[in-house]
Amino acid sequence: MQARPDGHVQAVLGTVRRIGLDRLLPRAAARRQRLAEALIVARVIEPAAKLATARGLDAETASHSLGQHLELGKVGVNDVYATLDWLGARRSPGSRRDWRAATFRVAHWCCTT
């Protein structure tokens, strides 16, 4: 197993959980929820295109330890698109405000530490 950068992953993943952003996600199968959480965290730590994000999370091509922390295993671009479609289909009218507030807290933390 190859060592991958980890400190920034733990910091952002911990913040996401501490502010409750992970609890705002709709209920789903465990892997789908973990992948949705990974997409949020990946966007903060390493903004990239969806294909690059999938490669960064995949166990074989990972550029950081996020996929390992969330036990994602193999992640393909189709998994990323399916998760984004799932999230979009389940967004309730009031959830946009919740997401914005939670995203602001994550972004604020990242910019002030």
N, C-alpha and C. Protein backbone atom coordinates (compact mmCIF):
# COMPACT_ATOMS: atom_id res chain seq x y z
N MET A 1 0.84 -1.17 0.00
CA MET A 1 0.00 0.00 0.00
C MET A 1 0.89 1.24 0.00
N GLN A 2 0.59 2.17 -0.87
CA GLN A 2 1.38 3.38 -1.03
C GLN A 2 0.89 4.48 -0.07
N ALA A 3 1.85 5.19 0.53
CA ALA A 3 1.48 6.31 1.42
C ALA A 3 1.04 7.48 0.56
N ARG A 4 -0.04 8.12 0.98
CA ARG A 4 -0.58 9.26 0.23
C ARG A 4 -0.76 10.44 1.17
N PRO A 5 -0.76 11.68 0.62
CA PRO A 5 -0.98 12.85 1.46
C PRO A 5 -2.28 12.70 2.26
N ASP A 6 -2.22 13.08 3.54
CA ASP A 6 -3.35 12.76 4.42
C ASP A 6 -3.83 13.90 5.32
N GLY A 7 -2.96 14.80 5.74
CA GLY A 7 -3.33 15.81 6.74
C GLY A 7 -4.49 16.69 6.30
N HIS A 8 -4.45 17.18 5.07
CA HIS A 8 -5.52 18.04 4.57
C HIS A 8 -6.82 17.27 4.44
N VAL A 9 -6.73 16.00 4.10
CA VAL A 9 -7.93 15.16 3.98
C VAL A 9 -8.60 15.02 5.35
N GLN A 10 -7.82 14.70 6.37
CA GLN A 10 -8.37 14.56 7.71
C GLN A 10 -8.97 15.87 8.21
N ALA A 11 -8.32 16.99 7.91
CA ALA A 11 -8.81 18.29 8.37
C ALA A 11 -10.17 18.62 7.75
N VAL A 12 -10.28 18.48 6.45
CA VAL A 12 -11.53 18.84 5.77
C VAL A 12 -12.62 17.82 6.08
N LEU A 13 -12.31 16.54 6.07
CA LEU A 13 -13.30 15.50 6.38
C LEU A 13 -13.80 15.68 7.81
N GLY A 14 -12.91 15.97 8.73
CA GLY A 14 -13.31 16.23 10.12
C GLY A 14 -14.21 17.45 10.24
N THR A 15 -13.91 18.50 9.49
CA THR A 15 -14.73 19.71 9.53
C THR A 15 -16.11 19.45 8.94
N VAL A 16 -16.16 18.72 7.84
CA VAL A 16 -17.45 18.37 7.22
C VAL A 16 -18.33 17.63 8.23
N ARG A 17 -17.74 16.73 8.96
CA ARG A 17 -18.50 15.96 9.96
C ARG A 17 -18.84 16.80 11.18
N ARG A 18 -17.92 17.67 11.59
CA ARG A 18 -18.15 18.49 12.77
C ARG A 18 -19.29 19.50 12.55
N ILE A 19 -19.38 20.07 11.34
CA ILE A 19 -20.46 21.04 11.08
C ILE A 19 -21.75 20.36 10.63
N GLY A 20 -21.71 19.05 10.43
CA GLY A 20 -22.92 18.31 10.11
C GLY A 20 -23.30 18.27 8.65
N LEU A 21 -22.38 18.63 7.77
CA LEU A 21 -22.69 18.60 6.35
C LEU A 21 -23.02 17.18 5.88
N ASP A 22 -22.35 16.20 6.44
CA ASP A 22 -22.62 14.81 6.07
C ASP A 22 -24.04 14.39 6.44
N ARG A 23 -24.61 15.01 7.48
CA ARG A 23 -25.98 14.67 7.90
C ARG A 23 -27.03 15.36 7.04
N LEU A 24 -26.63 16.33 6.22
CA LEU A 24 -27.57 16.98 5.30
C LEU A 24 -27.81 16.15 4.04
N LEU A 25 -26.93 15.18 3.80
CA LEU A 25 -27.08 14.34 2.62
C LEU A 25 -28.30 13.44 2.76
N PRO A 26 -29.02 13.23 1.66
CA PRO A 26 -30.17 12.32 1.71
C PRO A 26 -29.72 10.91 2.08
N ARG A 27 -30.61 10.15 2.69
CA ARG A 27 -30.30 8.76 3.05
C ARG A 27 -30.20 7.92 1.78
N ALA A 28 -29.22 7.03 1.79
CA ALA A 28 -29.01 6.14 0.65
C ALA A 28 -28.15 4.98 1.11
N ALA A 29 -27.82 4.12 0.16
CA ALA A 29 -26.89 3.03 0.45
C ALA A 29 -25.59 3.64 0.96
N ALA A 30 -24.90 2.91 1.82
CA ALA A 30 -23.69 3.44 2.47
C ALA A 30 -22.66 3.93 1.46
N ARG A 31 -22.41 3.17 0.42
CA ARG A 31 -21.41 3.59 -0.57
C ARG A 31 -21.82 4.89 -1.25
N ARG A 32 -23.08 5.03 -1.60
CA ARG A 32 -23.55 6.25 -2.28
C ARG A 32 -23.35 7.46 -1.37
N GLN A 33 -23.68 7.32 -0.10
CA GLN A 33 -23.50 8.43 0.84
C GLN A 33 -22.02 8.76 1.02
N ARG A 34 -21.18 7.74 1.12
CA ARG A 34 -19.74 7.98 1.28
C ARG A 34 -19.17 8.65 0.03
N LEU A 35 -19.65 8.25 -1.14
CA LEU A 35 -19.17 8.86 -2.37
C LEU A 35 -19.62 10.32 -2.47
N ALA A 36 -20.85 10.60 -2.06
CA ALA A 36 -21.32 11.98 -2.06
C ALA A 36 -20.47 12.84 -1.11
N GLU A 37 -20.19 12.31 0.06
CA GLU A 37 -19.33 13.01 1.01
C GLU A 37 -17.93 13.21 0.42
N ALA A 38 -17.42 12.20 -0.26
CA ALA A 38 -16.10 12.30 -0.88
C ALA A 38 -16.07 13.38 -1.95
N LEU A 39 -17.13 13.50 -2.73
CA LEU A 39 -17.17 14.52 -3.78
C LEU A 39 -17.13 15.92 -3.19
N ILE A 40 -17.80 16.11 -2.07
CA ILE A 40 -17.78 17.41 -1.40
C ILE A 40 -16.38 17.72 -0.88
N VAL A 41 -15.80 16.77 -0.19
CA VAL A 41 -14.47 16.98 0.39
C VAL A 41 -13.43 17.15 -0.73
N ALA A 42 -13.52 16.35 -1.77
CA ALA A 42 -12.57 16.45 -2.88
C ALA A 42 -12.63 17.82 -3.54
N ARG A 43 -13.83 18.38 -3.62
CA ARG A 43 -13.99 19.70 -4.22
C ARG A 43 -13.25 20.76 -3.42
N VAL A 44 -13.20 20.58 -2.11
CA VAL A 44 -12.51 21.54 -1.25
C VAL A 44 -10.99 21.33 -1.31
N ILE A 45 -10.54 20.09 -1.21
CA ILE A 45 -9.10 19.84 -1.11
C ILE A 45 -8.37 19.87 -2.45
N GLU A 46 -9.08 19.51 -3.52
CA GLU A 46 -8.42 19.43 -4.82
C GLU A 46 -9.47 19.59 -5.93
N PRO A 47 -9.94 20.83 -6.15
CA PRO A 47 -10.95 21.05 -7.19
C PRO A 47 -10.45 20.53 -8.55
N ALA A 48 -11.27 19.75 -9.21
CA ALA A 48 -10.85 19.16 -10.48
C ALA A 48 -12.09 18.75 -11.27
N ALA A 49 -11.86 18.39 -12.50
CA ALA A 49 -12.93 17.85 -13.35
C ALA A 49 -13.42 16.53 -12.76
N LYS A 50 -14.58 16.11 -13.19
CA LYS A 50 -15.16 14.88 -12.64
C LYS A 50 -14.29 13.65 -12.89
N LEU A 51 -13.70 13.56 -14.07
CA LEU A 51 -12.82 12.42 -14.36
C LEU A 51 -11.60 12.45 -13.44
N ALA A 52 -11.01 13.60 -13.26
CA ALA A 52 -9.84 13.71 -12.37
C ALA A 52 -10.23 13.42 -10.93
N THR A 53 -11.43 13.84 -10.54
CA THR A 53 -11.91 13.55 -9.18
C THR A 53 -12.07 12.05 -8.99
N ALA A 54 -12.65 11.38 -9.98
CA ALA A 54 -12.81 9.92 -9.90
C ALA A 54 -11.45 9.24 -9.77
N ARG A 55 -10.50 9.68 -10.56
CA ARG A 55 -9.15 9.09 -10.49
C ARG A 55 -8.50 9.37 -9.14
N GLY A 56 -8.74 10.56 -8.60
CA GLY A 56 -8.16 10.92 -7.30
C GLY A 56 -8.74 10.12 -6.15
N LEU A 57 -9.96 9.62 -6.32
CA LEU A 57 -10.62 8.84 -5.28
C LEU A 57 -10.40 7.33 -5.43
N ASP A 58 -10.14 6.88 -6.64
CA ASP A 58 -9.99 5.46 -6.92
C ASP A 58 -8.79 4.87 -6.17
N ALA A 59 -8.97 3.67 -5.65
CA ALA A 59 -7.93 3.03 -4.84
C ALA A 59 -6.61 2.85 -5.60
N GLU A 60 -6.67 2.60 -6.88
CA GLU A 60 -5.45 2.33 -7.65
C GLU A 60 -4.75 3.60 -8.13
N THR A 61 -5.48 4.68 -8.33
CA THR A 61 -4.90 5.89 -8.92
C THR A 61 -5.00 7.10 -8.00
N ALA A 62 -5.30 6.89 -6.73
CA ALA A 62 -5.56 7.98 -5.79
C ALA A 62 -4.39 8.94 -5.66
N SER A 63 -4.73 10.22 -5.54
CA SER A 63 -3.71 11.26 -5.35
C SER A 63 -3.67 11.72 -3.89
N HIS A 64 -4.59 11.23 -3.08
CA HIS A 64 -4.65 11.54 -1.66
C HIS A 64 -5.38 10.38 -0.97
N SER A 65 -5.56 10.47 0.33
CA SER A 65 -6.08 9.35 1.10
C SER A 65 -7.61 9.36 1.31
N LEU A 66 -8.32 10.27 0.66
CA LEU A 66 -9.76 10.39 0.90
C LEU A 66 -10.52 9.11 0.59
N GLY A 67 -10.29 8.52 -0.57
CA GLY A 67 -10.97 7.27 -0.92
C GLY A 67 -10.69 6.16 0.06
N GLN A 68 -9.48 6.14 0.57
CA GLN A 68 -9.08 5.14 1.56
C GLN A 68 -9.82 5.38 2.88
N HIS A 69 -9.89 6.64 3.33
CA HIS A 69 -10.60 6.96 4.58
C HIS A 69 -12.07 6.55 4.51
N LEU A 70 -12.68 6.76 3.35
CA LEU A 70 -14.10 6.47 3.20
C LEU A 70 -14.35 5.06 2.64
N GLU A 71 -13.28 4.28 2.47
CA GLU A 71 -13.37 2.90 2.00
C GLU A 71 -14.17 2.78 0.71
N LEU A 72 -13.79 3.58 -0.29
CA LEU A 72 -14.53 3.61 -1.54
C LEU A 72 -14.10 2.53 -2.52
N GLY A 73 -12.85 2.08 -2.45
CA GLY A 73 -12.38 1.09 -3.40
C GLY A 73 -12.31 1.66 -4.80
N LYS A 74 -12.82 0.92 -5.77
CA LYS A 74 -12.78 1.37 -7.16
C LYS A 74 -13.84 2.45 -7.39
N VAL A 75 -13.41 3.57 -7.96
CA VAL A 75 -14.32 4.68 -8.27
C VAL A 75 -14.10 5.07 -9.72
N GLY A 76 -15.17 5.02 -10.50
CA GLY A 76 -15.11 5.43 -11.90
C GLY A 76 -15.91 6.69 -12.14
N VAL A 77 -15.71 7.27 -13.29
CA VAL A 77 -16.42 8.51 -13.60
C VAL A 77 -17.94 8.28 -13.64
N ASN A 78 -18.37 7.08 -14.01
CA ASN A 78 -19.80 6.78 -14.01
C ASN A 78 -20.37 6.79 -12.59
N ASP A 79 -19.56 6.37 -11.61
CA ASP A 79 -19.98 6.44 -10.21
C ASP A 79 -20.18 7.90 -9.79
N VAL A 80 -19.26 8.74 -10.22
CA VAL A 80 -19.34 10.17 -9.89
C VAL A 80 -20.60 10.78 -10.49
N TYR A 81 -20.84 10.54 -11.78
CA TYR A 81 -22.03 11.09 -12.44
C TYR A 81 -23.32 10.55 -11.82
N ALA A 82 -23.36 9.27 -11.51
CA ALA A 82 -24.56 8.68 -10.90
C ALA A 82 -24.84 9.31 -9.54
N THR A 83 -23.79 9.56 -8.77
CA THR A 83 -23.97 10.18 -7.45
C THR A 83 -24.45 11.61 -7.58
N LEU A 84 -23.89 12.35 -8.54
CA LEU A 84 -24.34 13.74 -8.75
C LEU A 84 -25.79 13.77 -9.22
N ASP A 85 -26.17 12.85 -10.10
CA ASP A 85 -27.57 12.76 -10.54
C ASP A 85 -28.48 12.44 -9.36
N TRP A 86 -28.06 11.51 -8.52
CA TRP A 86 -28.83 11.13 -7.33
C TRP A 86 -29.02 12.32 -6.40
N LEU A 87 -27.94 13.08 -6.17
CA LEU A 87 -28.04 14.25 -5.30
C LEU A 87 -28.98 15.30 -5.89
N GLY A 88 -28.85 15.54 -7.18
CA GLY A 88 -29.70 16.53 -7.83
C GLY A 88 -31.17 16.17 -7.79
N ALA A 89 -31.48 14.90 -7.92
CA ALA A 89 -32.87 14.44 -7.92
C ALA A 89 -33.50 14.51 -6.53
N ARG A 90 -32.71 14.52 -5.49
CA ARG A 90 -33.24 14.48 -4.12
C ARG A 90 -33.19 15.81 -3.39
N ARG A 91 -32.76 16.84 -4.08
CA ARG A 91 -32.65 18.14 -3.42
C ARG A 91 -34.05 18.70 -3.19
N SER A 92 -34.33 19.05 -1.96
CA SER A 92 -35.62 19.64 -1.63
C SER A 92 -35.52 21.16 -1.79
N PRO A 93 -36.66 21.86 -1.90
CA PRO A 93 -36.62 23.31 -2.10
C PRO A 93 -35.82 24.06 -1.03
N GLY A 94 -35.90 23.66 0.22
CA GLY A 94 -35.17 24.35 1.28
C GLY A 94 -33.73 23.93 1.42
N SER A 95 -33.36 22.84 0.75
CA SER A 95 -32.00 22.32 0.94
C SER A 95 -30.94 23.21 0.33
N ARG A 96 -31.31 24.01 -0.64
CA ARG A 96 -30.31 24.89 -1.27
C ARG A 96 -29.72 25.85 -0.24
N ARG A 97 -30.56 26.40 0.63
CA ARG A 97 -30.08 27.28 1.69
C ARG A 97 -29.17 26.53 2.66
N ASP A 98 -29.57 25.31 3.04
CA ASP A 98 -28.77 24.50 3.96
C ASP A 98 -27.40 24.21 3.37
N TRP A 99 -27.38 23.82 2.09
CA TRP A 99 -26.11 23.50 1.43
C TRP A 99 -25.23 24.74 1.35
N ARG A 100 -25.84 25.88 1.01
CA ARG A 100 -25.04 27.10 0.91
C ARG A 100 -24.43 27.46 2.25
N ALA A 101 -25.20 27.37 3.31
CA ALA A 101 -24.70 27.70 4.64
C ALA A 101 -23.58 26.75 5.05
N ALA A 102 -23.78 25.47 4.82
CA ALA A 102 -22.75 24.50 5.20
C ALA A 102 -21.50 24.67 4.34
N THR A 103 -21.68 24.91 3.05
CA THR A 103 -20.54 25.11 2.16
C THR A 103 -19.78 26.36 2.56
N PHE A 104 -20.51 27.40 2.94
CA PHE A 104 -19.85 28.63 3.40
C PHE A 104 -18.99 28.35 4.62
N ARG A 105 -19.51 27.56 5.56
CA ARG A 105 -18.74 27.25 6.77
C ARG A 105 -17.46 26.49 6.44
N VAL A 106 -17.54 25.52 5.50
CA VAL A 106 -16.36 24.78 5.10
C VAL A 106 -15.36 25.72 4.42
N ALA A 107 -15.87 26.52 3.49
CA ALA A 107 -14.98 27.44 2.76
C ALA A 107 -14.36 28.46 3.71
N HIS A 108 -15.14 28.96 4.65
CA HIS A 108 -14.62 29.93 5.62
C HIS A 108 -13.51 29.30 6.46
N TRP A 109 -13.74 28.07 6.91
CA TRP A 109 -12.73 27.38 7.70
C TRP A 109 -11.46 27.20 6.88
N CYS A 110 -11.60 26.80 5.63
CA CYS A 110 -10.42 26.56 4.78
C CYS A 110 -9.64 27.84 4.53
N CYS A 111 -10.34 28.94 4.44
CA CYS A 111 -9.67 30.22 4.13
C CYS A 111 -9.08 30.87 5.38
N THR A 112 -9.50 30.47 6.55
CA THR A 112 -9.03 31.14 7.76
C THR A 112 -8.06 30.31 8.59
N THR A 113 -7.72 29.12 8.11
CA THR A 113 -6.78 28.29 8.89
C THR A 113 -5.48 28.11 8.15
